[in-house]
Amino acid sequence: MQQFDPKLAAFLLTLFSSFIGWLLLWLGHREKATQKRIESAEKALNDKRDFNHLVNNQSQISTGIATGFEDLENHIRELENQVREIKAYLIRNHHKDDKL
C-alpha cells in the first residue's frame, strides 16, 4: 500500500483551490459582462421607446396645429361674412338716405 504523502496532498489541495478561485473569478466576470449587455440592451430599448414617444408627440402637436389653423380659418371666414353683411347694410342704408 502506498503511504499518504502530505506534500502531494497539499499540492493537490492548492491546485484545486486555485482552480476553484479562477473558476469563480471567471464566472464573476462573465456575470458582469452579461449584466452590462443586458443593461445596454435595456438602455437602447428605453431610448428607442423615448424617441418613439417624441415622434408621436410631435405628430400630435402637428395635428393640433393644423386643426387650430382650420378653426382659425373658419372663424376668419365667419368674420368676413359678417363684415360683408355690415357693408351691405351700410351701403343699402346710405342709398336710402340719398333718396330721401
N, C-alpha and C. Protein backbone atom coordinates (compact mmCIF):
# COMPACT_ATOMS: atom_id res chain seq x y z
N MET A 1 0.81 -1.18 0.00
CA MET A 1 0.00 0.00 0.00
C MET A 1 0.86 1.25 0.00
N GLN A 2 0.36 2.25 -0.66
CA GLN A 2 1.12 3.48 -0.70
C GLN A 2 0.86 4.29 0.55
N GLN A 3 1.84 5.00 0.91
CA GLN A 3 1.76 5.81 2.11
C GLN A 3 1.22 7.19 1.73
N PHE A 4 0.48 7.84 2.66
CA PHE A 4 -0.08 9.17 2.45
C PHE A 4 1.05 10.18 2.36
N ASP A 5 1.07 10.92 1.29
CA ASP A 5 2.12 11.93 1.09
C ASP A 5 1.50 13.32 1.33
N PRO A 6 1.83 13.95 2.46
CA PRO A 6 1.24 15.25 2.78
C PRO A 6 1.64 16.34 1.78
N LYS A 7 2.81 16.25 1.20
CA LYS A 7 3.24 17.26 0.22
C LYS A 7 2.38 17.19 -1.03
N LEU A 8 2.12 15.98 -1.48
CA LEU A 8 1.28 15.80 -2.65
C LEU A 8 -0.14 16.26 -2.35
N ALA A 9 -0.65 15.93 -1.18
CA ALA A 9 -2.00 16.34 -0.79
C ALA A 9 -2.08 17.87 -0.73
N ALA A 10 -1.07 18.51 -0.16
CA ALA A 10 -1.07 19.97 -0.08
C ALA A 10 -1.01 20.58 -1.47
N PHE A 11 -0.21 20.00 -2.35
CA PHE A 11 -0.12 20.48 -3.73
C PHE A 11 -1.45 20.35 -4.45
N LEU A 12 -2.08 19.16 -4.31
CA LEU A 12 -3.37 18.95 -4.96
C LEU A 12 -4.44 19.87 -4.39
N LEU A 13 -4.43 20.06 -3.08
CA LEU A 13 -5.40 20.96 -2.45
C LEU A 13 -5.18 22.40 -2.93
N THR A 14 -3.94 22.82 -3.04
CA THR A 14 -3.63 24.17 -3.54
C THR A 14 -4.04 24.30 -4.99
N LEU A 15 -3.76 23.30 -5.79
CA LEU A 15 -4.14 23.31 -7.20
C LEU A 15 -5.65 23.37 -7.35
N PHE A 16 -6.35 22.55 -6.57
CA PHE A 16 -7.82 22.52 -6.63
C PHE A 16 -8.39 23.86 -6.18
N SER A 17 -7.85 24.44 -5.10
CA SER A 17 -8.33 25.73 -4.59
C SER A 17 -8.08 26.84 -5.61
N SER A 18 -6.93 26.81 -6.23
CA SER A 18 -6.62 27.81 -7.26
C SER A 18 -7.57 27.68 -8.44
N PHE A 19 -7.82 26.45 -8.86
CA PHE A 19 -8.74 26.22 -9.96
C PHE A 19 -10.13 26.74 -9.62
N ILE A 20 -10.62 26.45 -8.42
CA ILE A 20 -11.95 26.92 -8.00
C ILE A 20 -11.95 28.45 -7.93
N GLY A 21 -10.90 29.05 -7.42
CA GLY A 21 -10.79 30.51 -7.36
C GLY A 21 -10.86 31.15 -8.74
N TRP A 22 -10.06 30.60 -9.66
CA TRP A 22 -10.08 31.13 -11.02
C TRP A 22 -11.43 30.91 -11.68
N LEU A 23 -12.05 29.77 -11.41
CA LEU A 23 -13.38 29.49 -11.98
C LEU A 23 -14.40 30.49 -11.45
N LEU A 24 -14.38 30.77 -10.16
CA LEU A 24 -15.31 31.74 -9.59
C LEU A 24 -15.04 33.15 -10.11
N LEU A 25 -13.77 33.49 -10.25
CA LEU A 25 -13.42 34.79 -10.80
C LEU A 25 -13.92 34.92 -12.24
N TRP A 26 -13.71 33.88 -13.04
CA TRP A 26 -14.18 33.88 -14.43
C TRP A 26 -15.70 33.99 -14.49
N LEU A 27 -16.39 33.23 -13.64
CA LEU A 27 -17.86 33.31 -13.61
C LEU A 27 -18.33 34.70 -13.20
N GLY A 28 -17.63 35.32 -12.26
CA GLY A 28 -17.98 36.68 -11.84
C GLY A 28 -17.82 37.68 -12.97
N HIS A 29 -16.71 37.60 -13.71
CA HIS A 29 -16.51 38.48 -14.85
C HIS A 29 -17.54 38.22 -15.94
N ARG A 30 -17.84 36.97 -16.14
CA ARG A 30 -18.85 36.61 -17.14
C ARG A 30 -20.20 37.18 -16.75
N GLU A 31 -20.55 37.08 -15.47
CA GLU A 31 -21.83 37.61 -14.98
C GLU A 31 -21.87 39.13 -15.15
N LYS A 32 -20.76 39.81 -14.84
CA LYS A 32 -20.71 41.26 -15.01
C LYS A 32 -20.88 41.65 -16.47
N ALA A 33 -20.21 40.91 -17.35
CA ALA A 33 -20.31 41.20 -18.78
C ALA A 33 -21.73 40.98 -19.27
N THR A 34 -22.35 39.91 -18.80
CA THR A 34 -23.74 39.64 -19.19
C THR A 34 -24.65 40.74 -18.67
N GLN A 35 -24.43 41.16 -17.43
CA GLN A 35 -25.24 42.23 -16.85
C GLN A 35 -25.06 43.54 -17.61
N LYS A 36 -23.83 43.82 -18.05
CA LYS A 36 -23.57 45.02 -18.84
C LYS A 36 -24.33 44.97 -20.17
N ARG A 37 -24.30 43.80 -20.81
CA ARG A 37 -25.02 43.66 -22.08
C ARG A 37 -26.52 43.83 -21.88
N ILE A 38 -27.04 43.28 -20.80
CA ILE A 38 -28.47 43.42 -20.51
C ILE A 38 -28.82 44.89 -20.27
N GLU A 39 -28.00 45.58 -19.47
CA GLU A 39 -28.24 46.99 -19.20
C GLU A 39 -28.15 47.82 -20.48
N SER A 40 -27.20 47.47 -21.33
CA SER A 40 -27.05 48.18 -22.60
C SER A 40 -28.27 47.96 -23.48
N ALA A 41 -28.76 46.73 -23.54
CA ALA A 41 -29.94 46.43 -24.35
C ALA A 41 -31.17 47.14 -23.79
N GLU A 42 -31.30 47.16 -22.45
CA GLU A 42 -32.42 47.87 -21.84
C GLU A 42 -32.36 49.36 -22.13
N LYS A 43 -31.15 49.93 -22.06
CA LYS A 43 -31.00 51.35 -22.34
C LYS A 43 -31.36 51.65 -23.79
N ALA A 44 -30.90 50.80 -24.70
CA ALA A 44 -31.23 51.00 -26.11
C ALA A 44 -32.74 50.92 -26.33
N LEU A 45 -33.38 49.97 -25.68
CA LEU A 45 -34.82 49.82 -25.80
C LEU A 45 -35.54 51.04 -25.22
N ASN A 46 -35.08 51.50 -24.06
CA ASN A 46 -35.68 52.69 -23.45
C ASN A 46 -35.47 53.93 -24.31
N ASP A 47 -34.28 54.05 -24.89
CA ASP A 47 -34.01 55.19 -25.77
C ASP A 47 -34.91 55.15 -26.99
N LYS A 48 -35.09 53.97 -27.55
CA LYS A 48 -35.96 53.83 -28.73
C LYS A 48 -37.40 54.16 -28.36
N ARG A 49 -37.85 53.68 -27.20
CA ARG A 49 -39.21 53.97 -26.75
C ARG A 49 -39.39 55.47 -26.53
N ASP A 50 -38.40 56.12 -25.90
CA ASP A 50 -38.48 57.56 -25.68
C ASP A 50 -38.51 58.31 -27.01
N PHE A 51 -37.70 57.88 -27.97
CA PHE A 51 -37.69 58.53 -29.28
C PHE A 51 -39.05 58.37 -29.95
N ASN A 52 -39.63 57.17 -29.86
CA ASN A 52 -40.95 56.96 -30.47
C ASN A 52 -42.01 57.83 -29.79
N HIS A 53 -41.89 58.02 -28.47
CA HIS A 53 -42.82 58.91 -27.78
C HIS A 53 -42.67 60.34 -28.31
N LEU A 54 -41.43 60.77 -28.52
CA LEU A 54 -41.21 62.11 -29.04
C LEU A 54 -41.78 62.26 -30.45
N VAL A 55 -41.60 61.24 -31.28
CA VAL A 55 -42.14 61.28 -32.64
C VAL A 55 -43.67 61.36 -32.58
N ASN A 56 -44.29 60.55 -31.72
CA ASN A 56 -45.75 60.57 -31.59
C ASN A 56 -46.23 61.92 -31.05
N ASN A 57 -45.51 62.46 -30.07
CA ASN A 57 -45.89 63.78 -29.55
C ASN A 57 -45.79 64.85 -30.62
N GLN A 58 -44.73 64.79 -31.41
CA GLN A 58 -44.57 65.77 -32.49
C GLN A 58 -45.70 65.64 -33.50
N SER A 59 -46.07 64.42 -33.80
CA SER A 59 -47.18 64.19 -34.73
C SER A 59 -48.48 64.76 -34.17
N GLN A 60 -48.73 64.53 -32.87
CA GLN A 60 -49.94 65.06 -32.25
C GLN A 60 -49.92 66.59 -32.22
N ILE A 61 -48.75 67.17 -31.96
CA ILE A 61 -48.65 68.63 -31.96
C ILE A 61 -48.93 69.17 -33.36
N SER A 62 -48.37 68.53 -34.38
CA SER A 62 -48.61 68.97 -35.76
C SER A 62 -50.08 68.87 -36.12
N THR A 63 -50.72 67.79 -35.70
CA THR A 63 -52.16 67.63 -35.97
C THR A 63 -52.95 68.71 -35.24
N GLY A 64 -52.56 68.99 -34.00
CA GLY A 64 -53.24 70.03 -33.23
C GLY A 64 -53.09 71.40 -33.86
N ILE A 65 -51.90 71.70 -34.35
CA ILE A 65 -51.67 72.99 -35.01
C ILE A 65 -52.51 73.08 -36.28
N ALA A 66 -52.52 72.01 -37.06
CA ALA A 66 -53.31 72.01 -38.30
C ALA A 66 -54.79 72.21 -37.99
N THR A 67 -55.27 71.53 -36.95
CA THR A 67 -56.68 71.69 -36.55
C THR A 67 -56.94 73.10 -36.08
N GLY A 68 -55.98 73.66 -35.33
CA GLY A 68 -56.12 75.04 -34.86
C GLY A 68 -56.19 76.03 -36.01
N PHE A 69 -55.38 75.81 -37.04
CA PHE A 69 -55.42 76.70 -38.21
C PHE A 69 -56.73 76.54 -38.96
N GLU A 70 -57.25 75.34 -39.05
CA GLU A 70 -58.55 75.15 -39.71
C GLU A 70 -59.64 75.90 -38.95
N ASP A 71 -59.62 75.81 -37.62
CA ASP A 71 -60.60 76.54 -36.81
C ASP A 71 -60.44 78.04 -37.00
N LEU A 72 -59.19 78.51 -37.04
CA LEU A 72 -58.93 79.92 -37.24
C LEU A 72 -59.42 80.38 -38.61
N GLU A 73 -59.19 79.58 -39.65
CA GLU A 73 -59.67 79.92 -41.00
C GLU A 73 -61.19 79.98 -41.03
N ASN A 74 -61.85 79.04 -40.36
CA ASN A 74 -63.31 79.06 -40.31
C ASN A 74 -63.81 80.32 -39.60
N HIS A 75 -63.13 80.68 -38.51
CA HIS A 75 -63.52 81.88 -37.77
C HIS A 75 -63.32 83.13 -38.62
N ILE A 76 -62.22 83.19 -39.36
CA ILE A 76 -61.96 84.33 -40.24
C ILE A 76 -63.02 84.42 -41.34
N ARG A 77 -63.42 83.27 -41.90
CA ARG A 77 -64.47 83.27 -42.93
C ARG A 77 -65.78 83.80 -42.36
N GLU A 78 -66.10 83.39 -41.13
CA GLU A 78 -67.32 83.89 -40.49
C GLU A 78 -67.25 85.41 -40.30
N LEU A 79 -66.08 85.89 -39.87
CA LEU A 79 -65.92 87.33 -39.68
C LEU A 79 -66.03 88.07 -41.01
N GLU A 80 -65.44 87.51 -42.07
CA GLU A 80 -65.54 88.13 -43.40
C GLU A 80 -66.99 88.23 -43.84
N ASN A 81 -67.74 87.14 -43.59
CA ASN A 81 -69.17 87.17 -43.97
C ASN A 81 -69.92 88.23 -43.18
N GLN A 82 -69.61 88.36 -41.90
CA GLN A 82 -70.28 89.38 -41.09
C GLN A 82 -69.91 90.78 -41.54
N VAL A 83 -68.65 90.99 -41.91
CA VAL A 83 -68.22 92.30 -42.42
C VAL A 83 -68.94 92.60 -43.72
N ARG A 84 -69.09 91.62 -44.59
CA ARG A 84 -69.82 91.82 -45.86
C ARG A 84 -71.26 92.21 -45.59
N GLU A 85 -71.89 91.53 -44.63
CA GLU A 85 -73.27 91.86 -44.28
C GLU A 85 -73.37 93.29 -43.75
N ILE A 86 -72.40 93.68 -42.91
CA ILE A 86 -72.41 95.04 -42.37
C ILE A 86 -72.21 96.05 -43.48
N LYS A 87 -71.28 95.78 -44.40
CA LYS A 87 -71.06 96.68 -45.54
C LYS A 87 -72.31 96.78 -46.40
N ALA A 88 -72.93 95.65 -46.66
CA ALA A 88 -74.15 95.66 -47.47
C ALA A 88 -75.24 96.47 -46.78
N TYR A 89 -75.37 96.31 -45.49
CA TYR A 89 -76.37 97.04 -44.72
C TYR A 89 -76.08 98.54 -44.77
N LEU A 90 -74.79 98.91 -44.57
CA LEU A 90 -74.44 100.33 -44.61
C LEU A 90 -74.63 100.92 -45.99
N ILE A 91 -74.28 100.19 -47.03
CA ILE A 91 -74.45 100.69 -48.40
C ILE A 91 -75.93 100.85 -48.70
N ARG A 92 -76.75 99.89 -48.30
CA ARG A 92 -78.19 99.95 -48.56
C ARG A 92 -78.80 101.14 -47.82
N ASN A 93 -78.43 101.32 -46.56
CA ASN A 93 -78.98 102.44 -45.79
C ASN A 93 -78.45 103.78 -46.30
N HIS A 94 -77.23 103.80 -46.78
CA HIS A 94 -76.67 105.05 -47.32
C HIS A 94 -77.42 105.46 -48.57
N HIS A 95 -77.78 104.48 -49.43
CA HIS A 95 -78.53 104.78 -50.65
C HIS A 95 -79.94 105.21 -50.30
N LYS A 96 -80.53 104.66 -49.28
CA LYS A 96 -81.88 105.07 -48.87
C LYS A 96 -81.87 106.51 -48.38
N ASP A 97 -80.79 106.89 -47.66
CA ASP A 97 -80.68 108.26 -47.16
C ASP A 97 -80.50 109.24 -48.32
N ASP A 98 -79.80 108.81 -49.38
CA ASP A 98 -79.60 109.66 -50.53
C ASP A 98 -80.92 109.92 -51.27
N LYS A 99 -81.81 108.95 -51.27
CA LYS A 99 -83.08 109.07 -51.98
C LYS A 99 -84.04 109.97 -51.21
N LEU A 100 -83.90 110.06 -49.96
CA LEU A 100 -84.83 110.90 -49.19
C LEU A 100 -84.50 112.32 -49.38
